[in-house]
């Protein structure tokens, strides 16, 4: 069982689009101000432009908006 608590484990989950990571964190792209789930089919951003949050609510509070490819039901908050 993966916990995906460290930035390096989250990055690895993102690079491999690991389905086990869905619901455990979102990643945000600094240059676009968009957040996505780890399995989003969007092009992979440069590591230097990515930050991670545990919930979509945290990402939104930091000024990011949801990826248009992410169904609203898959966002998770609080």
Protein backbone atom coordinates (compact mmCIF):
# COMPACT_ATOMS: atom_id res chain seq x y z
CA UNK A 1 0.00 0.00 0.00
CA UNK A 2 1.43 3.36 -1.06
CA UNK A 3 0.93 6.46 1.04
CA UNK A 4 2.21 9.09 -1.43
CA UNK A 5 3.15 11.48 1.37
CA UNK A 6 6.54 12.68 0.15
CA UNK A 7 7.08 14.91 -2.88
CA UNK A 8 9.31 12.27 -4.48
CA UNK A 9 6.71 9.50 -4.09
CA UNK A 10 4.02 11.82 -5.44
CA UNK A 11 6.19 12.76 -8.41
CA UNK A 12 6.84 9.09 -9.18
CA UNK A 13 3.09 8.38 -9.00
CA UNK A 14 2.48 11.28 -11.37
CA UNK A 15 5.14 10.18 -13.87
CA UNK A 16 3.74 6.64 -13.96
CA UNK A 17 0.10 7.82 -13.73
CA UNK A 18 -0.40 5.37 -10.88
CA UNK A 19 -4.16 4.81 -10.36
CA UNK A 20 -3.55 4.01 -6.67
CA UNK A 21 -2.61 7.68 -6.17
CA UNK A 22 -6.01 9.04 -7.21
CA UNK A 23 -7.76 10.56 -4.22
CA UNK A 24 -4.57 10.88 -2.17
CA UNK A 25 -3.28 14.18 -3.59
CA UNK A 26 -3.55 16.64 -6.45
CA UNK A 27 -0.69 18.20 -8.34
CA UNK A 28 -0.55 21.83 -9.41
CA UNK A 29 1.29 23.41 -12.31
CA UNK A 30 2.78 26.75 -11.34
CA UNK A 31 2.83 28.14 -14.88
CA UNK A 32 -0.83 27.43 -15.68
CA UNK A 33 -2.38 27.70 -12.18
CA UNK A 34 -4.23 24.42 -12.78
CA UNK A 35 -4.48 21.35 -10.55
CA UNK A 36 -5.10 17.78 -11.69
CA UNK A 37 -5.39 14.28 -10.32
CA UNK A 38 -2.27 12.10 -10.66
CA UNK A 39 -3.69 10.08 -13.57
CA UNK A 40 -4.75 13.06 -15.68
CA UNK A 41 -3.90 12.43 -19.35
CA UNK A 42 -2.60 16.00 -19.77
CA UNK A 43 1.02 16.46 -20.80
CA UNK A 44 3.45 16.07 -17.93
CA UNK A 45 4.79 19.38 -16.63
CA UNK A 46 8.42 19.98 -15.72
CA UNK A 47 9.16 18.92 -12.14
CA UNK A 48 10.33 22.45 -11.30
CA UNK A 49 6.83 23.73 -12.17
CA UNK A 50 4.87 21.23 -10.05
CA UNK A 51 3.73 21.40 -6.45
CA UNK A 52 1.50 19.01 -4.53
CA UNK A 53 -1.46 19.42 -2.20
CA UNK A 54 -3.33 16.79 -0.20
CA UNK A 55 -6.76 18.05 -1.28
CA UNK A 56 -8.33 20.03 -4.09
CA UNK A 57 -9.62 22.50 -1.48
CA UNK A 58 -6.03 23.28 -0.50
CA UNK A 59 -5.09 23.77 -4.15
CA UNK A 60 -8.03 26.11 -4.73
CA UNK A 61 -7.17 28.08 -1.57
CA UNK A 62 -3.68 28.54 -3.04
CA UNK A 63 -5.17 30.03 -6.21
CA UNK A 64 -5.35 27.04 -8.56
CA UNK A 65 -8.35 25.93 -10.60
CA UNK A 66 -9.37 22.41 -11.57
CA UNK A 67 -8.20 20.89 -14.82
CA UNK A 68 -11.01 20.82 -17.37
CA UNK A 69 -10.27 17.12 -17.94
CA UNK A 70 -11.04 16.31 -14.29
CA UNK A 71 -14.71 15.55 -13.70
CA UNK A 72 -16.05 17.58 -10.79
CA UNK A 73 -17.00 14.39 -8.98
CA UNK A 74 -13.33 13.42 -8.86
CA UNK A 75 -12.26 16.57 -7.08
CA UNK A 76 -11.99 16.05 -3.35
CA UNK A 77 -11.77 18.55 -0.60
CA UNK A 78 -11.69 19.24 3.10
